[in-house]
Protein backbone atom coordinates (compact mmCIF):
# COMPACT_ATOMS: atom_id res chain seq x y z
CA MET A 1 -75.82 -13.97 5.30
CA THR A 2 -75.98 -17.74 5.54
CA THR A 3 -79.02 -19.02 3.66
CA PRO A 4 -80.34 -22.34 4.96
CA VAL A 5 -81.49 -25.17 2.76
CA ARG A 6 -85.17 -25.04 3.61
CA THR A 7 -87.02 -28.29 4.01
CA VAL A 8 -90.62 -28.40 2.83
CA LYS A 9 -93.07 -31.12 3.80
CA PRO A 10 -96.85 -31.37 3.43
CA CYS A 11 -98.75 -29.56 6.16
CA PRO A 12 -99.19 -31.99 9.07
CA GLN A 13 -102.57 -33.62 9.58
CA PRO A 14 -104.99 -33.47 11.28
CA PHE A 15 -105.76 -29.82 11.90
CA SER A 16 -108.78 -27.58 12.20
CA ASP A 17 -109.19 -23.92 11.24
CA HIS A 18 -111.07 -21.33 13.25
CA VAL A 19 -111.62 -17.58 13.39
CA VAL A 20 -110.81 -15.82 16.66
CA ALA A 21 -112.49 -12.52 15.83
CA ASN A 22 -113.38 -10.14 13.05
CA LEU A 23 -111.62 -6.81 13.52
CA GLU A 24 -112.82 -3.96 11.31
CA GLY A 25 -113.75 -6.46 8.62
CA VAL A 26 -110.54 -8.53 8.91
CA ASP A 27 -110.81 -12.14 10.11
CA LEU A 28 -108.20 -13.28 12.62
CA PRO A 29 -107.64 -16.99 11.85
CA ILE A 30 -106.06 -19.71 13.96
CA ARG A 31 -105.03 -23.32 13.21
CA VAL A 32 -105.11 -26.12 15.79
CA PHE A 33 -103.08 -29.33 15.49
CA PRO A 34 -104.49 -31.70 18.17
CA ALA A 35 -101.98 -34.00 19.83
CA VAL A 36 -101.88 -37.66 18.85
CA GLY A 37 -104.26 -39.75 20.89
CA SER A 38 -106.51 -36.78 21.65
CA GLY A 39 -109.65 -37.94 19.93
CA GLN A 40 -107.82 -38.34 16.60
CA GLU A 41 -105.97 -41.24 15.02
CA GLY A 42 -102.72 -41.94 16.81
CA THR A 43 -101.23 -43.65 19.82
CA GLY A 44 -100.17 -40.72 21.99
CA THR A 45 -97.53 -40.73 24.72
CA GLY A 46 -98.75 -40.93 28.27
CA LYS A 47 -102.12 -40.25 29.83
CA GLY A 48 -103.96 -37.35 31.34
CA LYS A 49 -104.39 -33.79 30.21
CA ARG A 50 -101.85 -32.55 27.70
CA PRO A 51 -99.85 -29.32 27.55
CA TRP A 52 -100.09 -27.08 24.51
CA LEU A 53 -97.87 -24.85 22.40
CA PHE A 54 -98.98 -21.35 21.46
CA TRP A 55 -96.90 -20.63 18.32
CA ILE A 56 -96.44 -17.11 16.86
CA HIS A 57 -94.95 -16.87 13.36
CA GLY A 58 -92.30 -14.40 12.26
CA GLY A 59 -92.12 -12.16 9.21
CA GLY A 60 -90.81 -8.76 10.27
CA PHE A 61 -94.30 -7.84 11.59
CA VAL A 62 -95.21 -7.23 7.94
CA SER A 63 -95.84 -10.72 6.52
CA GLY A 64 -95.83 -14.46 7.28
CA LYS A 65 -98.41 -17.18 7.81
CA HIS A 66 -100.06 -19.16 10.59
CA TYR A 67 -100.97 -22.15 8.42
CA VAL A 68 -97.95 -24.20 9.38
CA PRO A 69 -95.34 -23.59 12.11
CA ASN A 70 -91.63 -23.73 11.30
CA VAL A 71 -90.69 -27.10 9.86
CA TRP A 72 -89.24 -28.58 13.07
CA VAL A 73 -92.06 -27.54 15.40
CA HIS A 74 -94.64 -30.25 14.67
CA PRO A 75 -92.09 -33.14 14.65
CA ALA A 76 -90.63 -31.87 17.92
CA PHE A 77 -93.82 -31.35 19.93
CA HIS A 78 -96.65 -33.36 18.41
CA PRO A 79 -95.22 -36.86 19.10
CA GLU A 80 -94.75 -35.79 22.73
CA GLY A 81 -98.51 -35.40 23.09
CA ILE A 82 -98.46 -31.60 22.97
CA HIS A 83 -101.31 -29.79 21.24
CA ILE A 84 -100.10 -27.09 18.83
CA VAL A 85 -101.92 -23.84 18.14
CA SER A 86 -100.58 -21.55 15.41
CA VAL A 87 -101.95 -18.01 15.56
CA SER A 88 -102.22 -15.04 13.23
CA TYR A 89 -102.14 -11.29 13.72
CA ARG A 90 -102.68 -8.20 11.60
CA PHE A 91 -99.58 -6.77 9.96
CA ILE A 92 -98.06 -3.32 10.05
CA PRO A 93 -98.41 -0.63 8.71
CA GLN A 94 -102.21 -0.73 8.97
CA VAL A 95 -101.93 -1.52 12.69
CA THR A 96 -99.32 -0.60 15.28
CA LEU A 97 -97.36 -2.99 17.49
CA PRO A 98 -99.69 -2.34 20.48
CA GLU A 99 -102.70 -3.11 18.27
CA LEU A 100 -100.98 -6.20 16.90
CA TRP A 101 -100.36 -7.33 20.49
CA GLN A 102 -104.08 -7.09 21.17
CA ASP A 103 -104.57 -9.64 18.37
CA ILE A 104 -102.19 -12.01 20.15
CA LEU A 105 -104.11 -11.55 23.41
CA LEU A 106 -107.41 -12.21 21.65
CA ALA A 107 -105.99 -15.45 20.25
CA PHE A 108 -104.71 -16.50 23.68
CA GLN A 109 -108.01 -15.76 25.38
CA TRP A 110 -109.89 -17.56 22.60
CA CYS A 111 -107.70 -20.65 23.15
CA ARG A 112 -108.44 -20.69 26.87
CA GLU A 113 -112.14 -20.59 26.12
CA HIS A 114 -112.41 -22.88 23.08
CA LEU A 115 -109.42 -25.24 23.00
CA PRO A 116 -110.90 -27.86 25.37
CA SER A 117 -113.89 -28.48 23.09
CA ILE A 118 -111.65 -28.67 20.00
CA VAL A 119 -109.09 -31.20 21.24
CA GLY A 120 -111.33 -33.55 23.17
CA GLY A 121 -112.90 -32.17 26.31
CA ASP A 122 -112.17 -34.08 29.52
CA GLY A 123 -109.98 -37.06 30.29
CA ASP A 124 -106.91 -38.41 28.49
CA GLY A 125 -105.87 -36.25 25.56
CA ALA A 126 -107.66 -33.16 26.83
CA VAL A 127 -105.76 -29.93 27.27
CA ASP A 128 -104.29 -28.52 30.48
CA LEU A 129 -104.96 -24.85 29.84
CA ASP A 130 -102.54 -23.69 32.53
CA ARG A 131 -99.63 -25.75 31.22
CA TYR A 132 -98.54 -24.19 27.96
CA ILE A 133 -95.43 -23.17 26.01
CA VAL A 134 -95.29 -19.95 24.05
CA GLY A 135 -92.83 -19.75 21.18
CA GLY A 136 -92.05 -17.97 17.96
CA ASP A 137 -89.31 -17.00 15.53
CA SER A 138 -87.93 -13.55 14.68
CA ALA A 139 -90.87 -11.13 15.08
CA GLY A 140 -92.73 -14.07 16.61
CA GLY A 141 -89.78 -14.59 18.96
CA HIS A 142 -90.20 -11.01 20.13
CA LEU A 143 -93.92 -11.53 20.75
CA ALA A 144 -93.35 -14.87 22.50
CA SER A 145 -90.69 -13.37 24.75
CA TYR A 146 -93.01 -10.48 25.55
CA ALA A 147 -95.71 -13.00 26.49
CA GLY A 148 -93.20 -14.49 28.94
CA LEU A 149 -93.75 -11.40 31.10
CA GLY A 150 -97.01 -13.09 32.06
CA PRO A 151 -99.96 -11.37 33.73
CA GLU A 152 -98.43 -7.90 33.48
CA VAL A 153 -98.87 -8.09 29.67
CA GLY A 154 -102.08 -10.15 29.63
CA PHE A 155 -100.78 -13.74 29.66
CA ASP A 156 -102.37 -15.11 32.80
CA PRO A 157 -101.24 -17.58 33.92
CA LYS A 158 -97.73 -17.08 32.66
CA PRO A 159 -96.28 -19.63 30.21
CA THR A 160 -94.57 -22.76 31.53
CA VAL A 161 -91.74 -22.29 29.01
CA VAL A 162 -90.76 -19.61 26.47
CA LEU A 163 -89.14 -20.43 23.10
CA ASP A 164 -87.28 -17.40 21.76
CA ILE A 165 -86.10 -18.32 18.26
CA PHE A 166 -83.78 -15.50 17.09
CA GLY A 167 -86.28 -12.97 18.37
CA VAL A 168 -85.98 -9.20 18.20
CA ILE A 169 -85.49 -8.70 21.93
CA ASP A 170 -84.15 -5.13 22.06
CA LEU A 171 -85.96 -2.57 19.93
CA THR A 172 -83.59 0.16 21.14
CA ASP A 173 -80.61 -1.51 19.40
CA PRO A 174 -79.45 0.97 16.70
CA TYR A 175 -78.78 -1.97 14.37
CA ILE A 176 -82.52 -2.64 14.09
CA SER A 177 -83.10 0.86 12.68
CA LYS A 178 -79.94 1.04 10.59
CA PRO A 179 -80.66 1.59 6.86
CA PHE A 180 -79.27 -1.05 4.51
CA ASP A 181 -78.96 -0.57 0.77
CA ILE A 182 -80.83 -3.62 -0.49
CA PRO A 183 -82.74 -4.13 -3.74
CA ILE A 184 -86.53 -3.97 -4.02
CA GLN A 185 -86.90 -7.46 -5.40
CA PHE A 186 -90.22 -7.21 -7.21
CA GLY A 187 -89.64 -3.67 -8.45
CA THR A 188 -92.43 -1.75 -6.71
CA PRO A 189 -91.72 2.00 -7.11
CA LEU A 190 -90.37 3.67 -3.98
CA GLU A 191 -93.12 6.27 -3.94
CA VAL A 192 -95.73 3.48 -3.85
CA LEU A 193 -93.92 1.80 -0.97
CA HIS A 194 -93.62 5.08 0.93
CA GLU A 195 -97.36 5.67 0.57
CA LEU A 196 -98.08 2.11 1.71
CA SER A 197 -95.79 2.50 4.75
CA THR A 198 -97.99 5.36 5.95
CA SER A 199 -101.29 3.48 5.44
CA HIS A 200 -103.32 3.42 8.67
CA ASP A 201 -106.56 1.88 7.38
CA ALA A 202 -107.02 -1.17 9.64
CA SER A 203 -109.78 -2.53 7.39
CA LYS A 204 -107.08 -3.19 4.78
CA ALA A 205 -104.68 -5.02 7.10
CA ARG A 206 -103.33 -8.39 5.95
CA VAL A 207 -102.93 -11.46 8.16
CA THR A 208 -101.23 -13.72 5.60
CA GLY A 209 -98.36 -13.22 3.20
CA ALA A 210 -96.11 -15.60 1.30
CA TRP A 211 -92.40 -14.94 1.81
CA THR A 212 -90.07 -14.45 -1.15
CA TRP A 213 -88.98 -18.09 -1.17
CA GLU A 214 -92.64 -19.18 -1.23
CA ILE A 215 -93.48 -17.20 -4.37
CA GLU A 216 -92.93 -18.40 -7.94
CA PRO A 217 -90.44 -19.09 -9.42
CA GLU A 218 -88.84 -20.05 -6.07
CA MET A 219 -91.78 -22.29 -5.13
CA SER A 220 -94.64 -23.53 -7.29
CA VAL A 221 -98.21 -22.80 -6.28
CA ASP A 222 -98.94 -26.52 -6.03
CA LEU A 223 -96.05 -27.06 -3.62
CA LEU A 224 -97.06 -24.02 -1.58
CA ARG A 225 -100.61 -25.34 -1.22
CA THR A 226 -99.32 -28.72 -0.10
CA PHE A 227 -96.88 -27.06 2.31
CA TRP A 228 -99.48 -24.73 3.84
CA GLY A 229 -102.43 -27.13 3.69
CA GLU A 230 -104.40 -24.28 2.19
CA ASP A 231 -105.77 -23.42 -1.26
CA TYR A 232 -103.68 -20.25 -1.49
CA THR A 233 -102.28 -18.53 -4.57
CA PRO A 234 -99.65 -15.82 -4.02
CA SER A 235 -100.52 -12.61 -5.81
CA ASP A 236 -99.19 -9.12 -6.37
CA LYS A 237 -100.32 -8.35 -2.80
CA ASP A 238 -97.77 -10.84 -1.48
CA ARG A 239 -95.04 -9.37 -3.68
CA LEU A 240 -96.01 -5.91 -2.44
CA LEU A 241 -95.55 -7.03 1.18
CA MET A 242 -92.12 -8.41 0.36
CA ASP A 243 -91.13 -5.16 -1.32
CA LEU A 244 -92.50 -3.24 1.67
CA ASN A 245 -90.34 -5.36 3.96
CA SER A 246 -87.29 -4.54 1.82
CA TYR A 247 -88.24 -0.86 1.79
CA LEU A 248 -88.42 -0.75 5.60
CA VAL A 249 -84.95 -2.30 5.75
CA LYS A 250 -83.64 0.08 3.11
CA GLU A 251 -85.00 3.13 4.93
CA GLY A 252 -84.48 1.85 8.48
CA THR A 253 -88.04 2.86 9.35
CA ARG A 254 -89.65 -0.38 10.58
CA LEU A 255 -89.92 0.87 14.17
CA ASP A 256 -91.23 4.24 13.03
CA VAL A 257 -94.04 2.40 11.26
CA MET A 258 -94.65 0.03 14.20
CA PHE A 259 -95.14 2.91 16.63
CA ARG A 260 -96.17 5.69 14.22
CA SER A 261 -93.33 7.81 15.45
CA GLU A 262 -94.64 10.87 13.61
CA ASN A 263 -97.25 11.13 16.36
CA LEU A 264 -94.74 10.83 19.20
CA SER A 265 -92.11 13.08 20.70
CA LYS A 266 -88.54 11.80 20.67
CA ASP A 267 -88.81 10.86 24.35
CA GLU A 268 -92.14 9.09 23.82
CA PHE A 269 -90.68 7.11 20.92
CA GLU A 270 -87.73 5.98 23.05
CA GLN A 271 -90.06 5.06 25.90
CA ALA A 272 -92.18 2.99 23.51
CA LYS A 273 -89.14 1.09 22.24
CA HIS A 274 -87.95 0.41 25.79
CA GLY A 275 -91.39 -0.61 27.03
CA TRP A 276 -91.93 -3.08 24.19
CA SER A 277 -88.47 -4.66 24.49
CA PRO A 278 -88.45 -7.91 26.52
CA LEU A 279 -84.78 -7.28 27.35
CA HIS A 280 -85.50 -3.95 29.02
CA ARG A 281 -88.56 -5.30 30.82
CA VAL A 282 -86.40 -8.05 32.34
CA ARG A 283 -83.69 -5.51 33.19
CA ARG A 284 -86.29 -3.42 34.96
CA SER A 285 -87.31 -6.37 37.12
CA LEU A 286 -83.68 -6.70 38.27
CA LYS A 287 -83.97 -3.24 39.80
CA ASP A 288 -86.94 -4.33 41.87
CA ASP A 289 -86.60 -6.19 45.15
CA SER A 290 -85.78 -9.89 45.19
CA ARG A 291 -89.44 -10.90 45.46
CA HIS A 292 -89.84 -10.13 41.75
CA ARG A 293 -86.94 -12.32 40.66
CA SER A 294 -87.27 -15.77 39.08
CA GLN A 295 -90.74 -14.85 37.81
CA TYR A 296 -89.85 -15.15 34.13
CA PRO A 297 -90.47 -18.70 32.80
CA PRO A 298 -87.66 -21.12 31.87
CA THR A 299 -86.54 -20.10 28.40
CA VAL A 300 -84.96 -21.68 25.33
CA VAL A 301 -82.97 -19.15 23.28
CA MET A 302 -81.91 -20.20 19.77
CA HIS A 303 -79.81 -18.09 17.41
CA GLY A 304 -77.24 -18.28 14.61
CA ARG A 305 -73.91 -16.52 14.91
CA LYS A 306 -74.08 -15.40 11.26
CA ASP A 307 -77.51 -13.81 11.58
CA PHE A 308 -77.31 -10.39 9.93
CA VAL A 309 -81.02 -9.66 10.32
CA VAL A 310 -81.18 -9.87 14.10
CA PRO A 311 -77.68 -9.92 15.65
CA ILE A 312 -76.99 -12.77 18.07
CA LYS A 313 -75.84 -10.30 20.72
CA GLN A 314 -79.52 -9.63 21.41
CA SER A 315 -80.13 -13.25 22.38
CA GLU A 316 -76.86 -13.47 24.30
CA GLU A 317 -77.67 -10.44 26.42
CA PHE A 318 -81.25 -11.60 26.95
CA ALA A 319 -80.01 -14.99 28.15
CA ASP A 320 -77.50 -13.28 30.47
CA ARG A 321 -80.15 -11.02 31.99
CA LEU A 322 -82.59 -13.91 32.42
CA GLU A 323 -79.99 -15.97 34.25
CA GLU A 324 -79.10 -12.97 36.40
CA ASN A 325 -82.81 -12.78 37.16
CA GLY A 326 -82.80 -16.40 38.35
CA THR A 327 -84.43 -17.87 35.23
CA GLU A 328 -83.32 -21.23 33.86
CA VAL A 329 -82.04 -20.75 30.28
CA LEU A 330 -81.08 -23.21 27.55
CA ARG A 331 -78.87 -21.57 24.92
CA ILE A 332 -78.71 -23.11 21.44
CA TRP A 333 -76.22 -21.36 19.17
CA SER A 334 -75.50 -22.33 15.55
CA GLU A 335 -71.95 -21.38 14.58
CA GLU A 336 -72.80 -21.16 10.86
CA GLY A 337 -76.47 -20.24 11.18
CA GLY A 338 -78.00 -17.19 9.60
CA HIS A 339 -81.53 -15.93 10.05
CA SER A 340 -84.04 -18.81 9.81
CA PHE A 341 -81.24 -21.40 9.88
CA GLU A 342 -83.44 -23.79 11.86
CA GLN A 343 -85.84 -24.23 8.95
CA ALA A 344 -83.56 -27.04 7.76
CA ILE A 345 -83.38 -28.89 11.09
CA GLY A 346 -84.55 -32.36 11.92
CA VAL A 347 -86.83 -33.47 9.12
CA SER A 348 -86.66 -34.76 5.57
CA GLY A 349 -88.66 -33.52 2.62
CA VAL A 350 -88.25 -31.32 -0.43
CA SER A 351 -85.18 -29.12 -0.10
CA LEU A 352 -85.22 -25.63 -1.56
């Protein structure tokens, strides 16, 4: 797998932190980066109400953070006068994918209610709630692409544009459930990880986890805090999430955990994987009459050809089906890119 040189910069300013909801004792946080010229210091570009980006982080549905979007996101969108909202969600195994999706919907609905007052109200610099982009990487790319289905999945109105950054588009792909013999990096015993993978206590769900490269000795705590803009210290809980992620890869059971397959028949499990796959939902629309075509938003699909976590064929087929459906698609392929290759794109800073 090609490992990118990751670029780390201080968390962009200004931002504000909020809590969308408290779910069984777990806060669901959100971070808003108002566009330049929207009641904050800055010059802005253009006048009138501004569009916004609804960003969903990746992390295998088991970890990740909302504190700062991928390193290129803020430099790409903020100078264009686009408000950025980075959202969180509860992680598996304590919640299922359908429950996790309800967290995303809560965040979206919260934005439509509260974002205008946060970024400036009326006039220049305010937010145009109906003109938004939804994007995410990896697991977040899956969730963003699912949001592209619009009102039928709760995103009403539908996004103006979808950014699918090496997203998991087809959950029925055998590769996604193929076991791989990888090490458990922090040495958590397998029996502990098995017990954790069957934990269904939603009150113990996490919404934040440092990735392996964000944990000492790979990254110092001081650098992490500067990077995230948050007084956060990785702990054994973060290491446990990383070992759980490795365990799910090793056993090939991520989807079983996401849907709690032990409670489903074989047919029900397959139906769940199809129903939660953006690729199959778009395929289904092709079988409908022509009135349902061209309803999926214009989409940017980004992927690396040396991605061994999510194979590029998923993005290629998704782009093909979208174009067949009448959707405008921009394909961005990196010939040497592995998973998360774009974390080194377009900015300078501390390289790891």
